[in-house]
Amino acid sequence: AFSGPRTPGELLVAAVWRELLGVERIAVTDNFLDLGGHSLLIMQAIAKLEARTGKRISPRTFIFQTLEQIARDYDTQRPEPPKPSKAAPPPPPTSRLQRWLSALIPKP
């Protein structure tokens, strides 16, 4: 008997799989590779899921796990904390010559 996605995590994962694989009917017991997925599509699926949830899983997860198992991983995982942005480094100190040249330029 067919058992479709039920939980929010299953529905999200199934939507991404449908988008990437072009498969309409996806059961919770289906495996991404069995449905025609391959390594490049796995990376796209991970990127899409991370963009929508802030959560990241290993590509290995897709190899042996079903949609239900992958969704459970997403449901129990916390989003990655945002990475701090790198501030621009401070400008290098001015040399004596630069200060002298700057002093020669008339100020408006």
PDB file of N, CA and C in Angstrom:
ATOM      1  N   ALA A   1       0.839  -1.180   0.000  1.00  0.00           N
ATOM      2  CA  ALA A   1       0.000   0.000   0.000  1.00  0.00           C
ATOM      3  C   ALA A   1       0.882   1.241   0.000  1.00  0.00           C
ATOM      4  N   PHE A   2       0.511   2.197  -0.830  1.00  0.00           N
ATOM      5  CA  PHE A   2       1.253   3.450  -0.955  1.00  0.00           C
ATOM      6  C   PHE A   2       1.048   4.305   0.290  1.00  0.00           C
ATOM      7  N   SER A   3       2.138   4.827   0.817  1.00  0.00           N
ATOM      8  CA  SER A   3       2.070   5.738   1.958  1.00  0.00           C
ATOM      9  C   SER A   3       2.833   7.007   1.582  1.00  0.00           C
ATOM     10  N   GLY A   4       2.086   8.078   1.354  1.00  0.00           N
ATOM     11  CA  GLY A   4       2.687   9.347   0.954  1.00  0.00           C
ATOM     12  C   GLY A   4       3.200  10.138   2.139  1.00  0.00           C
ATOM     13  N   PRO A   5       3.882  11.237   1.864  1.00  0.00           N
ATOM     14  CA  PRO A   5       4.416  12.088   2.932  1.00  0.00           C
ATOM     15  C   PRO A   5       3.305  12.647   3.812  1.00  0.00           C
ATOM     16  N   ARG A   6       3.575  12.705   5.127  1.00  0.00           N
ATOM     17  CA  ARG A   6       2.573  13.193   6.077  1.00  0.00           C
ATOM     18  C   ARG A   6       3.082  14.359   6.917  1.00  0.00           C
ATOM     19  N   THR A   7       4.292  14.252   7.427  1.00  0.00           N
ATOM     20  CA  THR A   7       4.815  15.284   8.330  1.00  0.00           C
ATOM     21  C   THR A   7       5.335  16.473   7.522  1.00  0.00           C
ATOM     22  N   PRO A   8       5.510  17.630   8.167  1.00  0.00           N
ATOM     23  CA  PRO A   8       6.073  18.778   7.442  1.00  0.00           C
ATOM     24  C   PRO A   8       7.442  18.466   6.827  1.00  0.00           C
ATOM     25  N   GLY A   9       8.271  17.721   7.558  1.00  0.00           N
ATOM     26  CA  GLY A   9       9.583  17.353   7.024  1.00  0.00           C
ATOM     27  C   GLY A   9       9.474  16.462   5.803  1.00  0.00           C
ATOM     28  N   GLU A  10       8.588  15.472   5.861  1.00  0.00           N
ATOM     29  CA  GLU A  10       8.388  14.578   4.715  1.00  0.00           C
ATOM     30  C   GLU A  10       7.845  15.343   3.517  1.00  0.00           C
ATOM     31  N   LEU A  11       6.919  16.252   3.766  1.00  0.00           N
ATOM     32  CA  LEU A  11       6.346  17.040   2.668  1.00  0.00           C
ATOM     33  C   LEU A  11       7.406  17.926   2.022  1.00  0.00           C
ATOM     34  N   LEU A  12       8.282  18.509   2.823  1.00  0.00           N
ATOM     35  CA  LEU A  12       9.347  19.363   2.304  1.00  0.00           C
ATOM     36  C   LEU A  12      10.338  18.564   1.468  1.00  0.00           C
ATOM     37  N   VAL A  13      10.812  17.447   2.015  1.00  0.00           N
ATOM     38  CA  VAL A  13      11.775  16.614   1.294  1.00  0.00           C
ATOM     39  C   VAL A  13      11.149  16.092   0.005  1.00  0.00           C
ATOM     40  N   ALA A  14       9.904  15.650   0.066  1.00  0.00           N
ATOM     41  CA  ALA A  14       9.218  15.143  -1.130  1.00  0.00           C
ATOM     42  C   ALA A  14       9.084  16.233  -2.188  1.00  0.00           C
ATOM     43  N   ALA A  15       8.801  17.465  -1.774  1.00  0.00           N
ATOM     44  CA  ALA A  15       8.666  18.571  -2.735  1.00  0.00           C
ATOM     45  C   ALA A  15       9.983  18.814  -3.464  1.00  0.00           C
ATOM     46  N   VAL A  16      11.089  18.771  -2.741  1.00  0.00           N
ATOM     47  CA  VAL A  16      12.402  18.968  -3.369  1.00  0.00           C
ATOM     48  C   VAL A  16      12.710  17.805  -4.309  1.00  0.00           C
ATOM     49  N   TRP A  17      12.418  16.589  -3.887  1.00  0.00           N
ATOM     50  CA  TRP A  17      12.652  15.436  -4.749  1.00  0.00           C
ATOM     51  C   TRP A  17      11.817  15.527  -6.020  1.00  0.00           C
ATOM     52  N   ARG A  18      10.556  15.919  -5.892  1.00  0.00           N
ATOM     53  CA  ARG A  18       9.692  16.061  -7.074  1.00  0.00           C
ATOM     54  C   ARG A  18      10.291  17.075  -8.049  1.00  0.00           C
ATOM     55  N   GLU A  19      10.739  18.187  -7.484  1.00  0.00           N
ATOM     56  CA  GLU A  19      11.307  19.263  -8.299  1.00  0.00           C
ATOM     57  C   GLU A  19      12.547  18.789  -9.063  1.00  0.00           C
ATOM     58  N   LEU A  20      13.405  18.042  -8.395  1.00  0.00           N
ATOM     59  CA  LEU A  20      14.662  17.622  -9.010  1.00  0.00           C
ATOM     60  C   LEU A  20      14.535  16.380  -9.883  1.00  0.00           C
ATOM     61  N   LEU A  21      13.661  15.462  -9.486  1.00  0.00           N
ATOM     62  CA  LEU A  21      13.566  14.180 -10.188  1.00  0.00           C
ATOM     63  C   LEU A  21      12.433  14.123 -11.205  1.00  0.00           C
ATOM     64  N   GLY A  22      11.498  15.061 -11.111  1.00  0.00           N
ATOM     65  CA  GLY A  22      10.355  15.036 -12.018  1.00  0.00           C
ATOM     66  C   GLY A  22       9.425  13.866 -11.755  1.00  0.00           C
ATOM     67  N   VAL A  23       9.403  13.375 -10.519  1.00  0.00           N
ATOM     68  CA  VAL A  23       8.551  12.250 -10.135  1.00  0.00           C
ATOM     69  C   VAL A  23       7.380  12.804  -9.334  1.00  0.00           C
ATOM     70  N   GLU A  24       6.175  12.476  -9.724  1.00  0.00           N
ATOM     71  CA  GLU A  24       4.989  13.006  -9.041  1.00  0.00           C
ATOM     72  C   GLU A  24       4.655  12.257  -7.759  1.00  0.00           C
ATOM     73  N   ARG A  25       4.684  10.950  -7.827  1.00  0.00           N
ATOM     74  CA  ARG A  25       4.238  10.136  -6.691  1.00  0.00           C
ATOM     75  C   ARG A  25       5.456   9.593  -5.947  1.00  0.00           C
ATOM     76  N   ILE A  26       5.660  10.114  -4.748  1.00  0.00           N
ATOM     77  CA  ILE A  26       6.804   9.696  -3.938  1.00  0.00           C
ATOM     78  C   ILE A  26       6.285   9.166  -2.606  1.00  0.00           C
ATOM     79  N   ALA A  27       6.669   7.940  -2.289  1.00  0.00           N
ATOM     80  CA  ALA A  27       6.266   7.313  -1.023  1.00  0.00           C
ATOM     81  C   ALA A  27       7.329   7.572   0.034  1.00  0.00           C
ATOM     82  N   VAL A  28       6.935   7.477   1.284  1.00  0.00           N
ATOM     83  CA  VAL A  28       7.890   7.693   2.377  1.00  0.00           C
ATOM     84  C   VAL A  28       8.954   6.601   2.422  1.00  0.00           C
ATOM     85  N   THR A  29       8.707   5.486   1.759  1.00  0.00           N
ATOM     86  CA  THR A  29       9.670   4.383   1.736  1.00  0.00           C
ATOM     87  C   THR A  29      10.597   4.439   0.527  1.00  0.00           C
ATOM     88  N   ASP A  30      10.438   5.457  -0.323  1.00  0.00           N
ATOM     89  CA  ASP A  30      11.278   5.582  -1.516  1.00  0.00           C
ATOM     90  C   ASP A  30      12.671   6.083  -1.158  1.00  0.00           C
ATOM     91  N   ASN A  31      13.638   5.683  -1.984  1.00  0.00           N
ATOM     92  CA  ASN A  31      15.022   6.111  -1.852  1.00  0.00           C
ATOM     93  C   ASN A  31      15.348   7.021  -3.036  1.00  0.00           C
ATOM     94  N   PHE A  32      16.081   8.090  -2.784  1.00  0.00           N
ATOM     95  CA  PHE A  32      16.403   9.087  -3.804  1.00  0.00           C
ATOM     96  C   PHE A  32      17.083   8.459  -5.023  1.00  0.00           C
ATOM     97  N   LEU A  33      18.057   7.596  -4.793  1.00  0.00           N
ATOM     98  CA  LEU A  33      18.787   6.981  -5.901  1.00  0.00           C
ATOM     99  C   LEU A  33      17.902   6.019  -6.687  1.00  0.00           C
ATOM    100  N   ASP A  34      17.032   5.304  -5.994  1.00  0.00           N
ATOM    101  CA  ASP A  34      16.126   4.374  -6.674  1.00  0.00           C
ATOM    102  C   ASP A  34      15.146   5.103  -7.584  1.00  0.00           C
ATOM    103  N   LEU A  35      14.880   6.373  -7.276  1.00  0.00           N
ATOM    104  CA  LEU A  35      13.952   7.162  -8.099  1.00  0.00           C
ATOM    105  C   LEU A  35      14.644   7.837  -9.276  1.00  0.00           C
ATOM    106  N   GLY A  36      15.945   7.601  -9.426  1.00  0.00           N
ATOM    107  CA  GLY A  36      16.678   8.182 -10.551  1.00  0.00           C
ATOM    108  C   GLY A  36      17.662   9.267 -10.166  1.00  0.00           C
ATOM    109  N   GLY A  37      17.833   9.493  -8.876  1.00  0.00           N
ATOM    110  CA  GLY A  37      18.779  10.513  -8.430  1.00  0.00           C
ATOM    111  C   GLY A  37      20.217  10.056  -8.617  1.00  0.00           C
ATOM    112  N   HIS A  38      21.130  11.010  -8.627  1.00  0.00           N
ATOM    113  CA  HIS A  38      22.561  10.725  -8.706  1.00  0.00           C
ATOM    114  C   HIS A  38      23.302  11.759  -7.867  1.00  0.00           C
ATOM    115  N   SER A  39      24.622  11.661  -7.826  1.00  0.00           N
ATOM    116  CA  SER A  39      25.407  12.483  -6.901  1.00  0.00           C
ATOM    117  C   SER A  39      25.201  13.984  -7.097  1.00  0.00           C
ATOM    118  N   LEU A  40      25.118  14.450  -8.331  1.00  0.00           N
ATOM    119  CA  LEU A  40      24.919  15.890  -8.552  1.00  0.00           C
ATOM    120  C   LEU A  40      23.546  16.337  -8.066  1.00  0.00           C
ATOM    121  N   LEU A  41      22.542  15.507  -8.278  1.00  0.00           N
ATOM    122  CA  LEU A  41      21.201  15.849  -7.792  1.00  0.00           C
ATOM    123  C   LEU A  41      21.137  15.800  -6.266  1.00  0.00           C
ATOM    124  N   ILE A  42      21.913  14.906  -5.661  1.00  0.00           N
ATOM    125  CA  ILE A  42      21.969  14.870  -4.196  1.00  0.00           C
ATOM    126  C   ILE A  42      22.480  16.205  -3.675  1.00  0.00           C
ATOM    127  N   MET A  43      23.548  16.718  -4.289  1.00  0.00           N
ATOM    128  CA  MET A  43      24.107  18.000  -3.840  1.00  0.00           C
ATOM    129  C   MET A  43      23.096  19.134  -4.043  1.00  0.00           C
ATOM    130  N   GLN A  44      22.354  19.100  -5.145  1.00  0.00           N
ATOM    131  CA  GLN A  44      21.318  20.119  -5.374  1.00  0.00           C
ATOM    132  C   GLN A  44      20.210  20.005  -4.329  1.00  0.00           C
ATOM    133  N   ALA A  45      19.828  18.781  -4.005  1.00  0.00           N
ATOM    134  CA  ALA A  45      18.778  18.574  -2.996  1.00  0.00           C
ATOM    135  C   ALA A  45      19.233  19.099  -1.641  1.00  0.00           C
ATOM    136  N   ILE A  46      20.463  18.810  -1.272  1.00  0.00           N
ATOM    137  CA  ILE A  46      20.992  19.289   0.007  1.00  0.00           C
ATOM    138  C   ILE A  46      20.998  20.813   0.034  1.00  0.00           C
ATOM    139  N   ALA A  47      21.424  21.440  -1.062  1.00  0.00           N
ATOM    140  CA  ALA A  47      21.469  22.911  -1.122  1.00  0.00           C
ATOM    141  C   ALA A  47      20.066  23.504  -1.022  1.00  0.00           C
ATOM    142  N   LYS A  48      19.104  22.914  -1.724  1.00  0.00           N
ATOM    143  CA  LYS A  48      17.726  23.425  -1.677  1.00  0.00           C
ATOM    144  C   LYS A  48      17.126  23.265  -0.279  1.00  0.00           C
ATOM    145  N   LEU A  49      17.349  22.119   0.328  1.00  0.00           N
ATOM    146  CA  LEU A  49      16.809  21.888   1.670  1.00  0.00           C
ATOM    147  C   LEU A  49      17.474  22.816   2.688  1.00  0.00           C
ATOM    148  N   GLU A  50      18.775  23.025   2.547  1.00  0.00           N
ATOM    149  CA  GLU A  50      19.465  23.929   3.473  1.00  0.00           C
ATOM    150  C   GLU A  50      18.973  25.365   3.295  1.00  0.00           C
ATOM    151  N   ALA A  51      18.734  25.772   2.048  1.00  0.00           N
ATOM    152  CA  ALA A  51      18.236  27.133   1.801  1.00  0.00           C
ATOM    153  C   ALA A  51      16.855  27.333   2.422  1.00  0.00           C
ATOM    154  N   ARG A  52      16.050  26.290   2.433  1.00  0.00           N
ATOM    155  CA  ARG A  52      14.680  26.409   2.960  1.00  0.00           C
ATOM    156  C   ARG A  52      14.589  26.210   4.469  1.00  0.00           C
ATOM    157  N   THR A  53      15.559  25.494   5.048  1.00  0.00           N
ATOM    158  CA  THR A  53      15.445  25.159   6.471  1.00  0.00           C
ATOM    159  C   THR A  53      16.602  25.649   7.330  1.00  0.00           C
ATOM    160  N   GLY A  54      17.731  25.961   6.704  1.00  0.00           N
ATOM    161  CA  GLY A  54      18.919  26.311   7.476  1.00  0.00           C
ATOM    162  C   GLY A  54      19.604  25.089   8.059  1.00  0.00           C
ATOM    163  N   LYS A  55      19.165  23.907   7.662  1.00  0.00           N
ATOM    164  CA  LYS A  55      19.728  22.654   8.178  1.00  0.00           C
ATOM    165  C   LYS A  55      20.495  21.958   7.062  1.00  0.00           C
ATOM    166  N   ARG A  56      21.594  21.310   7.434  1.00  0.00           N
ATOM    167  CA  ARG A  56      22.422  20.623   6.443  1.00  0.00           C
ATOM    168  C   ARG A  56      22.642  19.176   6.877  1.00  0.00           C
ATOM    169  N   ILE A  57      22.547  18.271   5.918  1.00  0.00           N
ATOM    170  CA  ILE A  57      22.845  16.871   6.206  1.00  0.00           C
ATOM    171  C   ILE A  57      23.927  16.389   5.252  1.00  0.00           C
ATOM    172  N   SER A  58      24.503  15.263   5.582  1.00  0.00           N
ATOM    173  CA  SER A  58      25.574  14.685   4.784  1.00  0.00           C
ATOM    174  C   SER A  58      25.008  14.059   3.507  1.00  0.00           C
ATOM    175  N   PRO A  59      25.747  14.148   2.404  1.00  0.00           N
ATOM    176  CA  PRO A  59      25.309  13.470   1.174  1.00  0.00           C
ATOM    177  C   PRO A  59      25.136  11.963   1.366  1.00  0.00           C
ATOM    178  N   ARG A  60      25.886  11.376   2.282  1.00  0.00           N
ATOM    179  CA  ARG A  60      25.768   9.931   2.534  1.00  0.00           C
ATOM    180  C   ARG A  60      24.378   9.543   3.006  1.00  0.00           C
ATOM    181  N   THR A  61      23.700  10.479   3.640  1.00  0.00           N
ATOM    182  CA  THR A  61      22.355  10.210   4.141  1.00  0.00           C
ATOM    183  C   THR A  61      21.440   9.745   3.015  1.00  0.00           C
ATOM    184  N   PHE A  62      21.631  10.283   1.831  1.00  0.00           N
ATOM    185  CA  PHE A  62      20.750   9.977   0.705  1.00  0.00           C
ATOM    186  C   PHE A  62      20.970   8.580   0.133  1.00  0.00           C
ATOM    187  N   ILE A  63      22.099   7.979   0.401  1.00  0.00           N
ATOM    188  CA  ILE A  63      22.435   6.725  -0.271  1.00  0.00           C
ATOM    189  C   ILE A  63      21.547   5.569   0.168  1.00  0.00           C
ATOM    190  N   PHE A  64      21.398   5.365   1.465  1.00  0.00           N
ATOM    191  CA  PHE A  64      20.668   4.191   1.938  1.00  0.00           C
ATOM    192  C   PHE A  64      19.357   4.507   2.627  1.00  0.00           C
ATOM    193  N   GLN A  65      19.095   5.774   2.895  1.00  0.00           N
ATOM    194  CA  GLN A  65      17.913   6.111   3.671  1.00  0.00           C
ATOM    195  C   GLN A  65      16.709   6.423   2.785  1.00  0.00           C
ATOM    196  N   THR A  66      15.553   6.217   3.375  1.00  0.00           N
ATOM    197  CA  THR A  66      14.293   6.522   2.694  1.00  0.00           C
ATOM    198  C   THR A  66      13.917   7.974   2.943  1.00  0.00           C
ATOM    199  N   LEU A  67      12.929   8.449   2.221  1.00  0.00           N
ATOM    200  CA  LEU A  67      12.420   9.803   2.416  1.00  0.00           C
ATOM    201  C   LEU A  67      12.026  10.006   3.875  1.00  0.00           C
ATOM    202  N   GLU A  68      11.360   9.037   4.448  1.00  0.00           N
ATOM    203  CA  GLU A  68      10.906   9.132   5.841  1.00  0.00           C
ATOM    204  C   GLU A  68      12.085   9.309   6.800  1.00  0.00           C
ATOM    205  N   GLN A  69      13.158   8.548   6.585  1.00  0.00           N
ATOM    206  CA  GLN A  69      14.327   8.635   7.461  1.00  0.00           C
ATOM    207  C   GLN A  69      15.052   9.972   7.302  1.00  0.00           C
ATOM    208  N   ILE A  70      15.178  10.438   6.070  1.00  0.00           N
ATOM    209  CA  ILE A  70      15.833  11.726   5.825  1.00  0.00           C
ATOM    210  C   ILE A  70      15.018  12.853   6.449  1.00  0.00           C
ATOM    211  N   ALA A  71      13.707  12.814   6.278  1.00  0.00           N
ATOM    212  CA  ALA A  71      12.838  13.847   6.856  1.00  0.00           C
ATOM    213  C   ALA A  71      12.940  13.840   8.375  1.00  0.00           C
ATOM    214  N   ARG A  72      13.043  12.663   8.972  1.00  0.00           N
ATOM    215  CA  ARG A  72      13.176  12.570  10.428  1.00  0.00           C
ATOM    216  C   ARG A  72      14.477  13.238  10.878  1.00  0.00           C
ATOM    217  N   ASP A  73      15.551  13.044  10.103  1.00  0.00           N
ATOM    218  CA  ASP A  73      16.818  13.717  10.413  1.00  0.00           C
ATOM    219  C   ASP A  73      16.635  15.235  10.389  1.00  0.00           C
ATOM    220  N   TYR A  74      15.929  15.729   9.378  1.00  0.00           N
ATOM    221  CA  TYR A  74      15.682  17.173   9.279  1.00  0.00           C
ATOM    222  C   TYR A  74      14.805  17.666  10.420  1.00  0.00           C
ATOM    223  N   ASP A  75      13.793  16.897  10.774  1.00  0.00           N
ATOM    224  CA  ASP A  75      12.873  17.325  11.832  1.00  0.00           C
ATOM    225  C   ASP A  75      13.560  17.421  13.194  1.00  0.00           C
ATOM    226  N   THR A  76      14.559  16.574  13.439  1.00  0.00           N
ATOM    227  CA  THR A  76      15.212  16.563  14.749  1.00  0.00           C
ATOM    228  C   THR A  76      16.461  17.432  14.807  1.00  0.00           C
ATOM    229  N   GLN A  77      16.891  17.932  13.673  1.00  0.00           N
ATOM    230  CA  GLN A  77      18.110  18.736  13.619  1.00  0.00           C
ATOM    231  C   GLN A  77      17.812  20.217  13.822  1.00  0.00           C
ATOM    232  N   ARG A  78      18.722  20.895  14.473  1.00  0.00           N
ATOM    233  CA  ARG A  78      18.581  22.348  14.642  1.00  0.00           C
ATOM    234  C   ARG A  78      19.257  23.050  13.470  1.00  0.00           C
ATOM    235  N   PRO A  79      18.749  24.235  13.110  1.00  0.00           N
ATOM    236  CA  PRO A  79      19.400  24.981  12.026  1.00  0.00           C
ATOM    237  C   PRO A  79      20.832  25.354  12.400  1.00  0.00           C
ATOM    238  N   GLU A  80      21.674  25.441  11.376  1.00  0.00           N
ATOM    239  CA  GLU A  80      23.053  25.878  11.587  1.00  0.00           C
ATOM    240  C   GLU A  80      23.044  27.332  12.033  1.00  0.00           C
ATOM    241  N   PRO A  81      23.852  27.685  13.029  1.00  0.00           N
ATOM    242  CA  PRO A  81      23.911  29.101  13.399  1.00  0.00           C
ATOM    243  C   PRO A  81      24.527  29.900  12.256  1.00  0.00           C
ATOM    244  N   PRO A  82      24.082  31.136  12.060  1.00  0.00           N
ATOM    245  CA  PRO A  82      24.647  31.926  10.966  1.00  0.00           C
ATOM    246  C   PRO A  82      26.137  32.159  11.188  1.00  0.00           C
ATOM    247  N   LYS A  83      26.880  32.075  10.107  1.00  0.00           N
ATOM    248  CA  LYS A  83      28.314  32.286  10.201  1.00  0.00           C
ATOM    249  C   LYS A  83      28.585  33.781  10.295  1.00  0.00           C
ATOM    250  N   PRO A  84      29.485  34.167  11.196  1.00  0.00           N
ATOM    251  CA  PRO A  84      29.767  35.601  11.312  1.00  0.00           C
ATOM    252  C   PRO A  84      30.389  36.120  10.022  1.00  0.00           C
ATOM    253  N   SER A  85      29.957  37.300   9.634  1.00  0.00           N
ATOM    254  CA  SER A  85      30.509  37.873   8.411  1.00  0.00           C
ATOM    255  C   SER A  85      31.906  38.392   8.710  1.00  0.00           C
ATOM    256  N   LYS A  86      32.744  38.262   7.724  1.00  0.00           N
ATOM    257  CA  LYS A  86      34.113  38.725   7.894  1.00  0.00           C
ATOM    258  C   LYS A  86      34.165  40.209   7.581  1.00  0.00           C
ATOM    259  N   ALA A  87      34.600  40.985   8.553  1.00  0.00           N
ATOM    260  CA  ALA A  87      34.734  42.425   8.353  1.00  0.00           C
ATOM    261  C   ALA A  87      35.976  42.685   7.503  1.00  0.00           C
ATOM    262  N   ALA A  88      35.939  43.764   6.772  1.00  0.00           N
ATOM    263  CA  ALA A  88      37.092  44.133   5.954  1.00  0.00           C
ATOM    264  C   ALA A  88      38.264  44.444   6.876  1.00  0.00           C
ATOM    265  N   PRO A  89      39.455  44.039   6.476  1.00  0.00           N
ATOM    266  CA  PRO A  89      40.608  44.329   7.327  1.00  0.00           C
ATOM    267  C   PRO A  89      40.850  45.836   7.383  1.00  0.00           C
ATOM    268  N   PRO A  90      41.427  46.304   8.471  1.00  0.00           N
ATOM    269  CA  PRO A  90      41.687  47.739   8.555  1.00  0.00           C
ATOM    270  C   PRO A  90      42.718  48.149   7.509  1.00  0.00           C
ATOM    271  N   PRO A  91      42.652  49.383   7.063  1.00  0.00           N
ATOM    272  CA  PRO A  91      43.639  49.813   6.064  1.00  0.00           C
ATOM    273  C   PRO A  91      45.035  49.807   6.682  1.00  0.00           C
ATOM    274  N   PRO A  92      46.052  49.594   5.858  1.00  0.00           N
ATOM    275  CA  PRO A  92      47.404  49.587   6.405  1.00  0.00           C
ATOM    276  C   PRO A  92      47.777  50.992   6.892  1.00  0.00           C
ATOM    277  N   PRO A  93      48.672  51.065   7.837  1.00  0.00           N
ATOM    278  CA  PRO A  93      49.064  52.383   8.330  1.00  0.00           C
ATOM    279  C   PRO A  93      49.740  53.193   7.221  1.00  0.00           C
ATOM    280  N   THR A  94      49.587  54.484   7.307  1.00  0.00           N
ATOM    281  CA  THR A  94      50.199  55.343   6.283  1.00  0.00           C
ATOM    282  C   THR A  94      51.680  55.518   6.585  1.00  0.00           C
ATOM    283  N   SER A  95      52.427  55.649   5.519  1.00  0.00           N
ATOM    284  CA  SER A  95      53.870  55.851   5.676  1.00  0.00           C
ATOM    285  C   SER A  95      54.162  57.339   5.870  1.00  0.00           C
ATOM    286  N   ARG A  96      55.375  57.620   6.231  1.00  0.00           N
ATOM    287  CA  ARG A  96      55.796  59.009   6.410  1.00  0.00           C
ATOM    288  C   ARG A  96      55.651  59.782   5.095  1.00  0.00           C
ATOM    289  N   LEU A  97      56.003  59.133   3.977  1.00  0.00           N
ATOM    290  CA  LEU A  97      55.895  59.773   2.662  1.00  0.00           C
ATOM    291  C   LEU A  97      54.436  60.083   2.331  1.00  0.00           C
ATOM    292  N   GLN A  98      53.527  59.147   2.613  1.00  0.00           N
ATOM    293  CA  GLN A  98      52.103  59.380   2.338  1.00  0.00           C
ATOM    294  C   GLN A  98      51.573  60.549   3.160  1.00  0.00           C
ATOM    295  N   ARG A  99      51.967  60.621   4.411  1.00  0.00           N
ATOM    296  CA  ARG A  99      51.517  61.745   5.246  1.00  0.00           C
ATOM    297  C   ARG A  99      52.072  63.065   4.727  1.00  0.00           C
ATOM    298  N   TRP A 100      53.328  63.082   4.280  1.00  0.00           N
ATOM    299  CA  TRP A 100      53.945  64.295   3.744  1.00  0.00           C
ATOM    300  C   TRP A 100      53.224  64.741   2.473  1.00  0.00           C
ATOM    301  N   LEU A 101      52.928  63.759   1.553  1.00  0.00           N
ATOM    302  CA  LEU A 101      52.215  64.097   0.318  1.00  0.00           C
ATOM    303  C   LEU A 101      50.807  64.594   0.621  1.00  0.00           C
ATOM    304  N   SER A 102      50.177  63.992   1.587  1.00  0.00           N
ATOM    305  CA  SER A 102      48.831  64.415   1.964  1.00  0.00           C
ATOM    306  C   SER A 102      48.833  65.840   2.498  1.00  0.00           C
ATOM    307  N   ALA A 103      49.888  66.190   3.204  1.00  0.00           N
ATOM    308  CA  ALA A 103      49.987  67.551   3.743  1.00  0.00           C
ATOM    309  C   ALA A 103      50.185  68.579   2.638  1.00  0.00           C
ATOM    310  N   LEU A 104      50.751  68.180   1.509  1.00  0.00           N
ATOM    311  CA  LEU A 104      50.986  69.107   0.398  1.00  0.00           C
ATOM    312  C   LEU A 104      49.718  69.396  -0.400  1.00  0.00           C
ATOM    313  N   ILE A 105      48.742  68.497  -0.339  1.00  0.00           N
ATOM    314  CA  ILE A 105      47.506  68.668  -1.110  1.00  0.00           C
ATOM    315  C   ILE A 105      46.621  69.670  -0.388  1.00  0.00           C
ATOM    316  N   PRO A 106      46.214  70.740  -1.111  1.00  0.00           N
ATOM    317  CA  PRO A 106      45.361  71.737  -0.453  1.00  0.00           C
ATOM    318  C   PRO A 106      44.010  71.137  -0.078  1.00  0.00           C
ATOM    319  N   LYS A 107      43.544  71.468   1.069  1.00  0.00           N
ATOM    320  CA  LYS A 107      42.239  70.999   1.554  1.00  0.00           C
ATOM    321  C   LYS A 107      41.156  71.948   1.053  1.00  0.00           C
ATOM    322  N   PRO A 108      40.003  71.441   0.643  1.00  0.00           N
ATOM    323  CA  PRO A 108      38.928  72.340   0.169  1.00  0.00           C
ATOM    324  C   PRO A 108      38.305  73.141   1.284  1.00  0.00           C
TER     325      PRO A 108
END
